[in-house]
Protein backbone atom coordinates (compact mmCIF):
# COMPACT_ATOMS: atom_id res chain seq x y z
CA MET A 1 -0.11 -0.01 0.07
CA SER A 2 1.16 3.33 -1.07
CA LYS A 3 1.81 6.16 1.59
CA LYS A 4 -1.17 8.86 1.48
CA VAL A 5 -0.39 12.49 0.88
CA LEU A 6 -2.50 15.72 1.07
CA CYS A 7 -3.98 16.64 -2.38
CA VAL A 8 -6.56 19.12 -3.87
CA SER A 9 -8.35 18.69 -6.98
CA LYS A 10 -7.13 21.04 -9.83
CA THR A 11 -10.64 22.40 -9.75
CA ASP A 12 -10.51 23.35 -6.37
CA MET A 13 -6.99 24.76 -6.42
CA ARG A 14 -8.14 28.22 -7.04
CA ASN A 15 -10.11 28.27 -3.82
CA VAL A 16 -7.24 26.79 -1.94
CA LEU A 17 -4.68 29.45 -3.33
CA LYS A 18 -7.23 32.28 -2.09
CA LEU A 19 -7.30 30.80 1.47
CA GLY A 20 -3.60 30.75 1.92
CA LEU A 21 -2.49 28.38 4.88
CA ASP A 22 -5.61 28.75 6.95
CA ILE A 23 -5.44 24.79 7.49
CA GLU A 24 -9.26 24.37 8.46
CA ASN A 25 -10.34 25.74 5.02
CA ILE A 26 -7.55 24.10 3.03
CA LEU A 27 -8.66 20.60 4.77
CA THR A 28 -12.23 21.65 3.39
CA TYR A 29 -11.10 21.18 -0.27
CA SER A 30 -8.30 18.58 0.37
CA LEU A 31 -7.96 14.76 1.25
CA PHE A 32 -5.28 12.24 1.62
CA ILE A 33 -4.83 9.80 -1.35
CA ASP A 34 -2.32 7.15 -2.37
CA ARG A 35 0.91 8.73 -3.37
CA LYS A 36 1.29 6.37 -6.35
CA ASN A 37 -1.98 7.61 -7.83
CA ALA A 38 -1.34 11.16 -7.08
CA GLU A 39 2.14 11.15 -8.52
CA ASN A 40 0.47 10.20 -12.27
CA ASN A 41 -3.05 11.82 -11.90
CA ARG A 42 -3.00 15.32 -13.33
CA ASN A 43 -6.57 15.93 -11.68
CA TRP A 44 -4.89 16.27 -8.27
CA LYS A 45 -2.18 18.77 -6.95
CA GLN A 46 -0.15 17.54 -4.23
CA ILE A 47 0.36 20.19 -1.41
CA ILE A 48 4.15 20.58 -0.55
CA PRO A 49 5.65 22.78 2.06
CA TYR A 50 8.72 24.29 0.81
CA MET A 51 11.48 26.27 2.97
CA VAL A 52 14.40 28.14 1.94
CA PHE A 53 17.15 28.92 4.48
CA ARG A 54 19.14 32.00 4.49
CA LYS A 55 21.86 32.94 6.48
CA ALA A 56 22.58 36.72 7.76
CA ASP A 57 25.27 37.29 4.99
CA GLY A 58 22.71 36.40 2.22
CA THR A 59 23.89 32.96 1.37
CA ILE A 60 21.18 30.49 0.82
CA LEU A 61 21.41 26.79 1.78
CA THR A 62 21.77 24.70 -1.62
CA TYR A 63 21.72 21.07 -1.86
CA GLU A 64 22.01 18.19 -4.46
CA LYS A 65 19.42 15.63 -4.17
CA SER A 66 20.78 12.23 -3.70
CA LYS A 67 19.99 9.43 -6.07
CA LYS A 68 18.13 7.82 -2.94
CA SER A 69 15.62 10.53 -2.89
CA SER A 70 12.31 9.29 -3.47
CA GLU A 71 11.38 11.95 -5.97
CA LYS A 72 13.28 10.58 -9.00
CA ARG A 73 12.21 13.83 -11.04
CA LEU A 74 14.84 15.73 -8.99
CA HIS A 75 17.86 13.46 -8.94
CA GLY A 76 20.92 15.31 -9.80
CA PHE A 77 19.37 18.89 -9.62
CA LEU A 78 20.35 21.38 -7.17
CA SER A 79 17.74 22.73 -4.91
CA ILE A 80 17.30 25.72 -2.49
CA GLY A 81 14.01 24.44 -0.97
CA ILE A 82 13.60 21.73 1.68
CA GLY A 83 10.25 20.20 1.67
CA GLY A 84 7.88 17.29 0.93
CA HIS A 85 4.57 15.74 1.13
CA VAL A 86 1.99 16.58 3.87
CA ASN A 87 1.16 13.22 5.29
CA PRO A 88 -2.08 12.21 7.37
CA CYS A 89 0.17 12.23 10.64
CA ASP A 90 0.93 15.95 10.18
CA TYR A 91 -2.52 17.26 10.27
CA SER A 92 -1.54 20.38 8.33
CA VAL A 93 0.73 21.85 5.99
CA ILE A 94 2.39 23.71 8.86
CA TYR A 95 3.07 20.32 10.82
CA GLY A 96 4.30 18.77 7.49
CA ALA A 97 6.85 21.52 7.01
CA VAL A 98 8.00 20.90 10.66
CA ARG A 99 8.45 17.23 10.02
CA GLU A 100 10.02 17.75 6.70
CA VAL A 101 12.73 20.11 7.87
CA LYS A 102 13.53 17.64 10.84
CA GLU A 103 13.77 14.78 8.51
CA GLU A 104 15.88 16.26 5.82
CA ILE A 105 18.13 18.45 7.60
CA GLY A 106 17.65 17.67 11.44
CA ILE A 107 16.69 21.12 12.69
CA ASP A 108 13.71 21.70 14.92
CA LEU A 109 11.42 24.37 13.90
CA SER A 110 8.69 25.45 16.09
CA PRO A 111 5.06 25.33 14.29
CA GLN A 112 4.62 28.98 15.74
CA PHE A 113 7.34 30.03 13.33
CA PHE A 114 4.93 29.54 10.35
CA LEU A 115 1.87 30.74 12.42
CA ASP A 116 3.91 34.03 12.94
CA ASN A 117 4.82 34.13 9.27
CA LEU A 118 1.62 33.31 7.23
CA ASP A 119 1.79 36.53 5.55
CA ASN A 120 5.20 35.95 4.43
CA TYR A 121 5.06 32.82 1.98
CA SER A 122 4.96 32.60 -1.84
CA VAL A 123 2.81 29.87 -3.61
CA ILE A 124 4.64 27.87 -6.22
CA ASP A 125 2.09 26.86 -8.97
CA ILE A 126 3.91 26.88 -12.04
CA LYS A 127 3.63 24.79 -15.42
CA GLY A 128 5.48 21.73 -16.20
CA GLY A 129 7.65 18.96 -14.73
CA VAL A 130 7.03 18.28 -11.13
CA SER A 131 4.58 21.22 -10.97
CA ALA A 132 2.10 19.40 -13.16
CA TYR A 133 1.35 17.19 -9.93
CA HIS A 134 2.53 19.53 -6.84
CA THR A 135 1.71 22.99 -5.57
CA GLY A 136 4.41 24.49 -2.99
CA PHE A 137 3.98 26.67 -0.08
CA CYS A 138 7.26 28.35 0.15
CA PHE A 139 8.59 30.18 3.36
CA ILE A 140 12.10 32.07 3.49
CA VAL A 141 13.40 31.21 6.88
CA ASP A 142 16.35 33.34 8.13
CA VAL A 143 18.68 31.24 10.12
CA GLU A 144 20.25 33.62 12.69
CA TRP A 145 18.22 31.75 15.34
CA PHE A 146 20.04 28.40 14.94
CA ASP A 147 23.55 27.15 14.27
CA PRO A 148 23.75 26.29 10.58
CA GLU A 149 26.63 23.94 11.32
CA LYS A 150 24.30 21.77 13.27
CA ILE A 151 22.65 20.75 10.03
CA LYS A 152 22.46 16.99 9.60
CA PHE A 153 21.11 15.91 6.16
CA SER A 154 19.20 12.97 5.31
CA ARG A 155 19.74 10.01 2.72
CA GLU A 156 17.79 12.23 0.28
CA VAL A 157 20.64 15.03 0.22
CA GLU A 158 23.83 14.26 -1.51
CA SER A 159 25.76 17.43 -0.39
CA ILE A 160 25.25 20.85 0.87
CA GLU A 161 26.88 24.36 0.33
CA TRP A 162 25.87 27.89 1.03
CA LEU A 163 25.69 30.05 -2.07
CA THR A 164 25.04 33.66 -2.93
CA ILE A 165 22.45 34.76 -5.26
CA GLN A 166 24.98 35.52 -7.89
CA GLU A 167 26.42 31.91 -7.36
CA LEU A 168 22.99 30.42 -7.88
CA ASN A 169 22.37 32.50 -10.88
CA ALA A 170 25.68 30.90 -12.42
CA ARG A 171 24.13 27.59 -11.90
CA LYS A 172 20.64 28.02 -12.95
CA ASP A 173 20.92 25.30 -15.64
CA ILE A 174 21.04 22.61 -12.78
CA LEU A 175 18.64 24.33 -10.41
CA GLU A 176 15.26 22.45 -10.21
CA SER A 177 12.41 24.46 -11.55
CA TRP A 178 11.03 25.65 -8.12
CA SER A 179 14.48 26.92 -7.01
CA ASN A 180 14.87 28.83 -10.19
CA TYR A 181 11.15 30.34 -9.57
CA ILE A 182 11.88 31.28 -6.10
CA LEU A 183 15.39 32.55 -6.85
CA GLU A 184 13.79 35.04 -9.53
CA MET A 185 11.22 35.87 -6.83
CA MET A 186 14.04 36.63 -4.28
CA GLN A 187 15.84 39.27 -6.65
CA LYS A 188 12.63 41.49 -7.31
């Protein structure tokens, strides 16, 4: 049996995007379905919390997806976002974000961080590739409140480095599409 993930039908996605992260309302439009079905069904959009970590000097956590990552479409690409599927155990997009950050880089974020920053996120709903099946809710996380040296990455992460926006622009051809989208937004 496949893992269940939080999804919204494409027809209901406009309503969800209007509601932002008011989880009670998002849950009105969403349901948990088998990931295998969701990954190949363009009638559903999987909801993905996606966090970008930035140091005070402006450098951004950048990592390469490992070949062990469950998301095969991202193998070999660089990413600036930590994120993943919302599972039934999470209860909400916010708790899914907290769990994903803990799993992928070993950092404990408080759900309160996201609740305090509900006006400071971007929706990633672009066309093509991974986005045909996923919609992201991206938070920029400034890391002055934790030691970036304490990051412990999971088997899904091949390597990490902290790069400037200029260095990321020089590598746009190997950045996954959501990272390119957020990178462009950060420069406006």
